[in-house]
Structure formats: C-alpha cells, structure tokens
Amino acid sequence: MALLPWSDDAPGASGALAKGDVYVPSKSGSILYFSVEDIDGALERAEAAGGCVLYPRKALGQAGFVAEIEDSEGNRIALHAKLLCGVEA
C-alpha cells in the first residue's frame, strides 16, 4: 500500500494505492482526476512507465487542459492542468 500525503494546512486530496486479490484494474467505472503542472510531461512519463495515452491533451479554454491515460495495470486515469498565464499551448 502506498499513502498519498496530506496537509491540514493546504488544499488537496489524500488517498492510498492498494493492491490485492479483490482489486481488479479497469478502464470502466469511476475516473480519478489528478492535477498536474505539465500535462504533456505527465503523458510522456506515463508512456515511459508502460502506460498509454487514451485521450490526448485537449484544451478546455479558460479551464485548462485534460487528457486520459491507461496505467501499466489497466486503470483509466484522467489528468488536468490549469491554464497558465492565460496562454493556451
């Protein structure tokens, strides 16, 4: 099990990653969104670690960008990056 840290003095979510016989990787069902600073860099790192891009980076206007990956175990994960300085890349 891996714990994701939290701080009582900062915003954000905490959680854990667990592995066990009752947990089955899936691309269907709930999708977790993770905030990242650099969405393109996160996609590159995911692919380098054995994942694949399911939904390439898409601009959402002032809401920033989203993308989806499948991790090396078969889970669908969504990424979100804020729009920085009002400039769309």
PDB file of N, CA and C in Angstrom:
ATOM      1  N   MET A   1       0.847  -1.168   0.000  1.00  0.00           N
ATOM      2  CA  MET A   1       0.000   0.000   0.000  1.00  0.00           C
ATOM      3  C   MET A   1       0.893   1.231   0.000  1.00  0.00           C
ATOM      4  N   ALA A   2       0.479   2.222  -0.780  1.00  0.00           N
ATOM      5  CA  ALA A   2       1.181   3.499  -0.812  1.00  0.00           C
ATOM      6  C   ALA A   2       0.201   4.584  -0.376  1.00  0.00           C
ATOM      7  N   LEU A   3       0.607   5.410   0.553  1.00  0.00           N
ATOM      8  CA  LEU A   3      -0.240   6.501   1.032  1.00  0.00           C
ATOM      9  C   LEU A   3       0.123   7.786   0.324  1.00  0.00           C
ATOM     10  N   LEU A   4      -0.891   8.553  -0.065  1.00  0.00           N
ATOM     11  CA  LEU A   4      -0.677   9.861  -0.653  1.00  0.00           C
ATOM     12  C   LEU A   4      -0.775  10.874   0.487  1.00  0.00           C
ATOM     13  N   PRO A   5       0.261  11.661   0.689  1.00  0.00           N
ATOM     14  CA  PRO A   5       0.297  12.549   1.859  1.00  0.00           C
ATOM     15  C   PRO A   5      -0.731  13.669   1.778  1.00  0.00           C
ATOM     16  N   TRP A   6      -1.026  14.223   2.930  1.00  0.00           N
ATOM     17  CA  TRP A   6      -1.920  15.369   3.007  1.00  0.00           C
ATOM     18  C   TRP A   6      -1.364  16.339   4.017  1.00  0.00           C
ATOM     19  N   SER A   7      -1.898  17.533   3.985  1.00  0.00           N
ATOM     20  CA  SER A   7      -1.527  18.554   4.936  1.00  0.00           C
ATOM     21  C   SER A   7      -2.798  19.213   5.439  1.00  0.00           C
ATOM     22  N   ASP A   8      -2.907  19.374   6.739  1.00  0.00           N
ATOM     23  CA  ASP A   8      -4.073  20.041   7.307  1.00  0.00           C
ATOM     24  C   ASP A   8      -4.125  21.510   6.918  1.00  0.00           C
ATOM     25  N   ASP A   9      -2.969  22.074   6.521  1.00  0.00           N
ATOM     26  CA  ASP A   9      -2.882  23.492   6.214  1.00  0.00           C
ATOM     27  C   ASP A   9      -2.921  23.801   4.720  1.00  0.00           C
ATOM     28  N   ALA A  10      -3.178  22.793   3.871  1.00  0.00           N
ATOM     29  CA  ALA A  10      -3.169  23.016   2.433  1.00  0.00           C
ATOM     30  C   ALA A  10      -4.361  22.318   1.784  1.00  0.00           C
ATOM     31  N   PRO A  11      -4.830  22.876   0.664  1.00  0.00           N
ATOM     32  CA  PRO A  11      -5.931  22.211  -0.035  1.00  0.00           C
ATOM     33  C   PRO A  11      -5.436  20.951  -0.734  1.00  0.00           C
ATOM     34  N   GLY A  12      -6.354  20.103  -1.121  1.00  0.00           N
ATOM     35  CA  GLY A  12      -5.984  18.908  -1.873  1.00  0.00           C
ATOM     36  C   GLY A  12      -6.599  17.672  -1.268  1.00  0.00           C
ATOM     37  N   ALA A  13      -6.389  16.579  -1.961  1.00  0.00           N
ATOM     38  CA  ALA A  13      -6.953  15.312  -1.530  1.00  0.00           C
ATOM     39  C   ALA A  13      -5.849  14.367  -1.090  1.00  0.00           C
ATOM     40  N   SER A  14      -6.216  13.448  -0.276  1.00  0.00           N
ATOM     41  CA  SER A  14      -5.315  12.407   0.186  1.00  0.00           C
ATOM     42  C   SER A  14      -5.903  11.074  -0.240  1.00  0.00           C
ATOM     43  N   GLY A  15      -5.123  10.038  -0.185  1.00  0.00           N
ATOM     44  CA  GLY A  15      -5.647   8.730  -0.534  1.00  0.00           C
ATOM     45  C   GLY A  15      -4.590   7.666  -0.380  1.00  0.00           C
ATOM     46  N   ALA A  16      -4.844   6.524  -0.979  1.00  0.00           N
ATOM     47  CA  ALA A  16      -3.906   5.413  -0.916  1.00  0.00           C
ATOM     48  C   ALA A  16      -4.037   4.583  -2.180  1.00  0.00           C
ATOM     49  N   LEU A  17      -2.963   3.931  -2.548  1.00  0.00           N
ATOM     50  CA  LEU A  17      -2.972   2.962  -3.640  1.00  0.00           C
ATOM     51  C   LEU A  17      -2.803   1.596  -3.006  1.00  0.00           C
ATOM     52  N   ALA A  18      -3.702   0.693  -3.323  1.00  0.00           N
ATOM     53  CA  ALA A  18      -3.666  -0.631  -2.710  1.00  0.00           C
ATOM     54  C   ALA A  18      -3.693  -1.712  -3.783  1.00  0.00           C
ATOM     55  N   LYS A  19      -3.055  -2.826  -3.488  1.00  0.00           N
ATOM     56  CA  LYS A  19      -3.045  -3.969  -4.382  1.00  0.00           C
ATOM     57  C   LYS A  19      -3.530  -5.179  -3.601  1.00  0.00           C
ATOM     58  N   GLY A  20      -4.402  -5.979  -4.211  1.00  0.00           N
ATOM     59  CA  GLY A  20      -4.913  -7.170  -3.545  1.00  0.00           C
ATOM     60  C   GLY A  20      -5.762  -7.981  -4.495  1.00  0.00           C
ATOM     61  N   ASP A  21      -6.074  -9.176  -4.111  1.00  0.00           N
ATOM     62  CA  ASP A  21      -6.850 -10.078  -4.960  1.00  0.00           C
ATOM     63  C   ASP A  21      -8.231  -9.540  -5.309  1.00  0.00           C
ATOM     64  N   VAL A  22      -8.812  -8.736  -4.450  1.00  0.00           N
ATOM     65  CA  VAL A  22     -10.162  -8.230  -4.700  1.00  0.00           C
ATOM     66  C   VAL A  22     -10.176  -6.980  -5.581  1.00  0.00           C
ATOM     67  N   TYR A  23      -9.015  -6.391  -5.846  1.00  0.00           N
ATOM     68  CA  TYR A  23      -8.933  -5.188  -6.664  1.00  0.00           C
ATOM     69  C   TYR A  23      -8.588  -5.580  -8.091  1.00  0.00           C
ATOM     70  N   VAL A  24      -9.467  -5.192  -9.044  1.00  0.00           N
ATOM     71  CA  VAL A  24      -9.278  -5.548 -10.441  1.00  0.00           C
ATOM     72  C   VAL A  24      -9.116  -4.264 -11.258  1.00  0.00           C
ATOM     73  N   PRO A  25      -7.977  -4.093 -11.949  1.00  0.00           N
ATOM     74  CA  PRO A  25      -7.798  -2.908 -12.787  1.00  0.00           C
ATOM     75  C   PRO A  25      -8.922  -2.791 -13.812  1.00  0.00           C
ATOM     76  N   SER A  26      -9.290  -1.548 -14.158  1.00  0.00           N
ATOM     77  CA  SER A  26     -10.408  -1.350 -15.071  1.00  0.00           C
ATOM     78  C   SER A  26     -10.299  -0.014 -15.787  1.00  0.00           C
ATOM     79  N   LYS A  27     -10.807   0.026 -17.025  1.00  0.00           N
ATOM     80  CA  LYS A  27     -10.949   1.282 -17.752  1.00  0.00           C
ATOM     81  C   LYS A  27     -12.389   1.777 -17.697  1.00  0.00           C
ATOM     82  N   SER A  28     -13.267   1.003 -17.071  1.00  0.00           N
ATOM     83  CA  SER A  28     -14.663   1.421 -16.946  1.00  0.00           C
ATOM     84  C   SER A  28     -14.936   1.788 -15.492  1.00  0.00           C
ATOM     85  N   GLY A  29     -15.977   2.551 -15.268  1.00  0.00           N
ATOM     86  CA  GLY A  29     -16.294   2.959 -13.907  1.00  0.00           C
ATOM     87  C   GLY A  29     -15.778   4.350 -13.615  1.00  0.00           C
ATOM     88  N   SER A  30     -15.545   4.621 -12.358  1.00  0.00           N
ATOM     89  CA  SER A  30     -15.100   5.953 -11.923  1.00  0.00           C
ATOM     90  C   SER A  30     -13.727   6.288 -12.491  1.00  0.00           C
ATOM     91  N   ILE A  31     -13.523   7.573 -12.757  1.00  0.00           N
ATOM     92  CA  ILE A  31     -12.233   8.056 -13.237  1.00  0.00           C
ATOM     93  C   ILE A  31     -11.704   9.062 -12.230  1.00  0.00           C
ATOM     94  N   LEU A  32     -10.499   8.849 -11.766  1.00  0.00           N
ATOM     95  CA  LEU A  32      -9.844   9.800 -10.877  1.00  0.00           C
ATOM     96  C   LEU A  32      -9.139  10.855 -11.712  1.00  0.00           C
ATOM     97  N   TYR A  33      -9.295  12.109 -11.324  1.00  0.00           N
ATOM     98  CA  TYR A  33      -8.594  13.219 -11.982  1.00  0.00           C
ATOM     99  C   TYR A  33      -7.458  13.664 -11.084  1.00  0.00           C
ATOM    100  N   PHE A  34      -6.280  13.769 -11.662  1.00  0.00           N
ATOM    101  CA  PHE A  34      -5.120  14.265 -10.947  1.00  0.00           C
ATOM    102  C   PHE A  34      -4.684  15.579 -11.577  1.00  0.00           C
ATOM    103  N   SER A  35      -4.422  16.582 -10.752  1.00  0.00           N
ATOM    104  CA  SER A  35      -3.902  17.856 -11.234  1.00  0.00           C
ATOM    105  C   SER A  35      -2.412  17.730 -11.460  1.00  0.00           C
ATOM    106  N   VAL A  36      -1.950  18.229 -12.589  1.00  0.00           N
ATOM    107  CA  VAL A  36      -0.524  18.216 -12.917  1.00  0.00           C
ATOM    108  C   VAL A  36      -0.126  19.604 -13.398  1.00  0.00           C
ATOM    109  N   GLU A  37       1.131  19.944 -13.229  1.00  0.00           N
ATOM    110  CA  GLU A  37       1.641  21.229 -13.713  1.00  0.00           C
ATOM    111  C   GLU A  37       1.847  21.188 -15.225  1.00  0.00           C
ATOM    112  N   ASP A  38       2.408  20.082 -15.723  1.00  0.00           N
ATOM    113  CA  ASP A  38       2.796  19.931 -17.122  1.00  0.00           C
ATOM    114  C   ASP A  38       2.120  18.687 -17.689  1.00  0.00           C
ATOM    115  N   ILE A  39       0.999  18.871 -18.373  1.00  0.00           N
ATOM    116  CA  ILE A  39       0.232  17.722 -18.840  1.00  0.00           C
ATOM    117  C   ILE A  39       0.993  16.922 -19.895  1.00  0.00           C
ATOM    118  N   ASP A  40       1.729  17.599 -20.781  1.00  0.00           N
ATOM    119  CA  ASP A  40       2.495  16.875 -21.800  1.00  0.00           C
ATOM    120  C   ASP A  40       3.610  16.052 -21.160  1.00  0.00           C
ATOM    121  N   GLY A  41       4.277  16.608 -20.171  1.00  0.00           N
ATOM    122  CA  GLY A  41       5.318  15.873 -19.454  1.00  0.00           C
ATOM    123  C   GLY A  41       4.748  14.672 -18.720  1.00  0.00           C
ATOM    124  N   ALA A  42       3.558  14.837 -18.139  1.00  0.00           N
ATOM    125  CA  ALA A  42       2.919  13.723 -17.437  1.00  0.00           C
ATOM    126  C   ALA A  42       2.549  12.606 -18.409  1.00  0.00           C
ATOM    127  N   LEU A  43       2.080  12.963 -19.599  1.00  0.00           N
ATOM    128  CA  LEU A  43       1.756  11.949 -20.606  1.00  0.00           C
ATOM    129  C   LEU A  43       3.012  11.203 -21.045  1.00  0.00           C
ATOM    130  N   GLU A  44       4.098  11.920 -21.238  1.00  0.00           N
ATOM    131  CA  GLU A  44       5.367  11.288 -21.625  1.00  0.00           C
ATOM    132  C   GLU A  44       5.864  10.332 -20.541  1.00  0.00           C
ATOM    133  N   ARG A  45       5.782  10.751 -19.287  1.00  0.00           N
ATOM    134  CA  ARG A  45       6.231   9.890 -18.184  1.00  0.00           C
ATOM    135  C   ARG A  45       5.355   8.651 -18.051  1.00  0.00           C
ATOM    136  N   ALA A  46       4.046   8.814 -18.283  1.00  0.00           N
ATOM    137  CA  ALA A  46       3.135   7.663 -18.220  1.00  0.00           C
ATOM    138  C   ALA A  46       3.504   6.635 -19.286  1.00  0.00           C
ATOM    139  N   GLU A  47       3.752   7.104 -20.499  1.00  0.00           N
ATOM    140  CA  GLU A  47       4.129   6.176 -21.572  1.00  0.00           C
ATOM    141  C   GLU A  47       5.471   5.514 -21.291  1.00  0.00           C
ATOM    142  N   ALA A  48       6.418   6.269 -20.762  1.00  0.00           N
ATOM    143  CA  ALA A  48       7.733   5.713 -20.440  1.00  0.00           C
ATOM    144  C   ALA A  48       7.648   4.644 -19.351  1.00  0.00           C
ATOM    145  N   ALA A  49       6.621   4.744 -18.502  1.00  0.00           N
ATOM    146  CA  ALA A  49       6.450   3.788 -17.405  1.00  0.00           C
ATOM    147  C   ALA A  49       5.560   2.602 -17.796  1.00  0.00           C
ATOM    148  N   GLY A  50       5.177   2.503 -19.070  1.00  0.00           N
ATOM    149  CA  GLY A  50       4.388   1.367 -19.515  1.00  0.00           C
ATOM    150  C   GLY A  50       2.915   1.645 -19.710  1.00  0.00           C
ATOM    151  N   GLY A  51       2.488   2.891 -19.536  1.00  0.00           N
ATOM    152  CA  GLY A  51       1.091   3.247 -19.759  1.00  0.00           C
ATOM    153  C   GLY A  51       0.880   3.681 -21.199  1.00  0.00           C
ATOM    154  N   CYS A  52      -0.345   4.046 -21.532  1.00  0.00           N
ATOM    155  CA  CYS A  52      -0.610   4.553 -22.881  1.00  0.00           C
ATOM    156  C   CYS A  52      -1.631   5.685 -22.801  1.00  0.00           C
ATOM    157  N   VAL A  53      -1.578   6.558 -23.784  1.00  0.00           N
ATOM    158  CA  VAL A  53      -2.495   7.684 -23.850  1.00  0.00           C
ATOM    159  C   VAL A  53      -3.806   7.210 -24.469  1.00  0.00           C
ATOM    160  N   LEU A  54      -4.891   7.365 -23.737  1.00  0.00           N
ATOM    161  CA  LEU A  54      -6.216   7.011 -24.236  1.00  0.00           C
ATOM    162  C   LEU A  54      -6.906   8.199 -24.887  1.00  0.00           C
ATOM    163  N   TYR A  55      -6.645   9.387 -24.359  1.00  0.00           N
ATOM    164  CA  TYR A  55      -7.308  10.607 -24.796  1.00  0.00           C
ATOM    165  C   TYR A  55      -6.247  11.694 -24.718  1.00  0.00           C
ATOM    166  N   PRO A  56      -5.710  12.136 -25.876  1.00  0.00           N
ATOM    167  CA  PRO A  56      -4.628  13.120 -25.841  1.00  0.00           C
ATOM    168  C   PRO A  56      -5.091  14.450 -25.252  1.00  0.00           C
ATOM    169  N   ARG A  57      -4.135  15.280 -24.946  1.00  0.00           N
ATOM    170  CA  ARG A  57      -4.408  16.591 -24.357  1.00  0.00           C
ATOM    171  C   ARG A  57      -5.451  17.339 -25.176  1.00  0.00           C
ATOM    172  N   LYS A  58      -6.448  17.871 -24.480  1.00  0.00           N
ATOM    173  CA  LYS A  58      -7.497  18.665 -25.109  1.00  0.00           C
ATOM    174  C   LYS A  58      -7.633  19.976 -24.351  1.00  0.00           C
ATOM    175  N   ALA A  59      -7.681  21.074 -25.076  1.00  0.00           N
ATOM    176  CA  ALA A  59      -7.855  22.389 -24.468  1.00  0.00           C
ATOM    177  C   ALA A  59      -9.305  22.578 -24.047  1.00  0.00           C
ATOM    178  N   LEU A  60      -9.482  23.139 -22.857  1.00  0.00           N
ATOM    179  CA  LEU A  60     -10.809  23.437 -22.316  1.00  0.00           C
ATOM    180  C   LEU A  60     -11.011  24.937 -22.158  1.00  0.00           C
ATOM    181  N   GLY A  61     -10.338  25.717 -22.960  1.00  0.00           N
ATOM    182  CA  GLY A  61     -10.414  27.170 -22.824  1.00  0.00           C
ATOM    183  C   GLY A  61      -9.809  27.618 -21.504  1.00  0.00           C
ATOM    184  N   GLN A  62     -10.516  28.475 -20.796  1.00  0.00           N
ATOM    185  CA  GLN A  62     -10.003  29.009 -19.529  1.00  0.00           C
ATOM    186  C   GLN A  62      -9.889  27.957 -18.427  1.00  0.00           C
ATOM    187  N   ALA A  63     -10.499  26.785 -18.616  1.00  0.00           N
ATOM    188  CA  ALA A  63     -10.432  25.719 -17.607  1.00  0.00           C
ATOM    189  C   ALA A  63      -9.137  24.909 -17.711  1.00  0.00           C
ATOM    190  N   GLY A  64      -8.332  25.151 -18.759  1.00  0.00           N
ATOM    191  CA  GLY A  64      -7.048  24.459 -18.874  1.00  0.00           C
ATOM    192  C   GLY A  64      -7.087  23.321 -19.878  1.00  0.00           C
ATOM    193  N   PHE A  65      -6.534  22.174 -19.472  1.00  0.00           N
ATOM    194  CA  PHE A  65      -6.393  21.032 -20.364  1.00  0.00           C
ATOM    195  C   PHE A  65      -6.742  19.741 -19.637  1.00  0.00           C
ATOM    196  N   VAL A  66      -7.196  18.744 -20.374  1.00  0.00           N
ATOM    197  CA  VAL A  66      -7.411  17.402 -19.836  1.00  0.00           C
ATOM    198  C   VAL A  66      -6.817  16.379 -20.789  1.00  0.00           C
ATOM    199  N   ALA A  67      -6.545  15.205 -20.248  1.00  0.00           N
ATOM    200  CA  ALA A  67      -6.099  14.051 -21.026  1.00  0.00           C
ATOM    201  C   ALA A  67      -6.415  12.823 -20.185  1.00  0.00           C
ATOM    202  N   GLU A  68      -6.402  11.655 -20.824  1.00  0.00           N
ATOM    203  CA  GLU A  68      -6.605  10.410 -20.085  1.00  0.00           C
ATOM    204  C   GLU A  68      -5.541   9.408 -20.485  1.00  0.00           C
ATOM    205  N   ILE A  69      -5.100   8.639 -19.499  1.00  0.00           N
ATOM    206  CA  ILE A  69      -4.122   7.589 -19.741  1.00  0.00           C
ATOM    207  C   ILE A  69      -4.652   6.265 -19.206  1.00  0.00           C
ATOM    208  N   GLU A  70      -4.076   5.193 -19.689  1.00  0.00           N
ATOM    209  CA  GLU A  70      -4.257   3.882 -19.088  1.00  0.00           C
ATOM    210  C   GLU A  70      -2.926   3.543 -18.449  1.00  0.00           C
ATOM    211  N   ASP A  71      -2.920   3.281 -17.148  1.00  0.00           N
ATOM    212  CA  ASP A  71      -1.654   2.975 -16.486  1.00  0.00           C
ATOM    213  C   ASP A  71      -1.195   1.562 -16.840  1.00  0.00           C
ATOM    214  N   SER A  72      -0.030   1.193 -16.365  1.00  0.00           N
ATOM    215  CA  SER A  72       0.567  -0.092 -16.710  1.00  0.00           C
ATOM    216  C   SER A  72      -0.237  -1.284 -16.199  1.00  0.00           C
ATOM    217  N   GLU A  73      -1.199  -1.035 -15.322  1.00  0.00           N
ATOM    218  CA  GLU A  73      -2.024  -2.117 -14.774  1.00  0.00           C
ATOM    219  C   GLU A  73      -3.421  -2.157 -15.388  1.00  0.00           C
ATOM    220  N   GLY A  74      -3.741  -1.216 -16.271  1.00  0.00           N
ATOM    221  CA  GLY A  74      -5.030  -1.226 -16.945  1.00  0.00           C
ATOM    222  C   GLY A  74      -6.077  -0.291 -16.380  1.00  0.00           C
ATOM    223  N   ASN A  75      -5.697   0.627 -15.509  1.00  0.00           N
ATOM    224  CA  ASN A  75      -6.635   1.595 -14.936  1.00  0.00           C
ATOM    225  C   ASN A  75      -6.674   2.860 -15.783  1.00  0.00           C
ATOM    226  N   ARG A  76      -7.862   3.433 -15.945  1.00  0.00           N
ATOM    227  CA  ARG A  76      -8.026   4.717 -16.628  1.00  0.00           C
ATOM    228  C   ARG A  76      -7.835   5.829 -15.605  1.00  0.00           C
ATOM    229  N   ILE A  77      -7.001   6.792 -15.949  1.00  0.00           N
ATOM    230  CA  ILE A  77      -6.718   7.922 -15.072  1.00  0.00           C
ATOM    231  C   ILE A  77      -6.792   9.198 -15.905  1.00  0.00           C
ATOM    232  N   ALA A  78      -7.449  10.211 -15.382  1.00  0.00           N
ATOM    233  CA  ALA A  78      -7.561  11.492 -16.078  1.00  0.00           C
ATOM    234  C   ALA A  78      -6.575  12.487 -15.472  1.00  0.00           C
ATOM    235  N   LEU A  79      -6.059  13.363 -16.324  1.00  0.00           N
ATOM    236  CA  LEU A  79      -5.128  14.410 -15.905  1.00  0.00           C
ATOM    237  C   LEU A  79      -5.736  15.766 -16.233  1.00  0.00           C
ATOM    238  N   HIS A  80      -5.485  16.742 -15.365  1.00  0.00           N
ATOM    239  CA  HIS A  80      -5.951  18.105 -15.595  1.00  0.00           C
ATOM    240  C   HIS A  80      -4.810  19.058 -15.307  1.00  0.00           C
ATOM    241  N   ALA A  81      -4.622  20.021 -16.200  1.00  0.00           N
ATOM    242  CA  ALA A  81      -3.626  21.075 -15.986  1.00  0.00           C
ATOM    243  C   ALA A  81      -4.327  22.415 -16.131  1.00  0.00           C
ATOM    244  N   LYS A  82      -4.038  23.307 -15.194  1.00  0.00           N
ATOM    245  CA  LYS A  82      -4.609  24.650 -15.258  1.00  0.00           C
ATOM    246  C   LYS A  82      -3.987  25.424 -16.414  1.00  0.00           C
ATOM    247  N   LEU A  83      -4.714  26.380 -16.906  1.00  0.00           N
ATOM    248  CA  LEU A  83      -4.224  27.298 -17.920  1.00  0.00           C
ATOM    249  C   LEU A  83      -3.278  28.274 -17.222  1.00  0.00           C
ATOM    250  N   LEU A  84      -2.051  28.365 -17.687  1.00  0.00           N
ATOM    251  CA  LEU A  84      -1.071  29.242 -17.064  1.00  0.00           C
ATOM    252  C   LEU A  84      -0.954  30.549 -17.831  1.00  0.00           C
ATOM    253  N   CYS A  85      -1.027  31.642 -17.129  1.00  0.00           N
ATOM    254  CA  CYS A  85      -0.848  32.990 -17.675  1.00  0.00           C
ATOM    255  C   CYS A  85      -1.794  33.312 -18.825  1.00  0.00           C
ATOM    256  N   GLY A  86      -2.930  32.611 -18.902  1.00  0.00           N
ATOM    257  CA  GLY A  86      -3.896  32.894 -19.945  1.00  0.00           C
ATOM    258  C   GLY A  86      -3.448  32.511 -21.335  1.00  0.00           C
ATOM    259  N   VAL A  87      -2.376  31.713 -21.455  1.00  0.00           N
ATOM    260  CA  VAL A  87      -1.850  31.322 -22.761  1.00  0.00           C
ATOM    261  C   VAL A  87      -2.119  29.842 -22.989  1.00  0.00           C
ATOM    262  N   GLU A  88      -2.775  29.525 -24.097  1.00  0.00           N
ATOM    263  CA  GLU A  88      -3.021  28.123 -24.431  1.00  0.00           C
ATOM    264  C   GLU A  88      -1.858  27.596 -25.257  1.00  0.00           C
ATOM    265  N   ALA A  89      -1.327  26.458 -24.857  1.00  0.00           N
ATOM    266  CA  ALA A  89      -0.216  25.858 -25.605  1.00  0.00           C
ATOM    267  C   ALA A  89      -0.724  24.875 -26.621  1.00  0.00           C
TER     268      ALA A  89
END
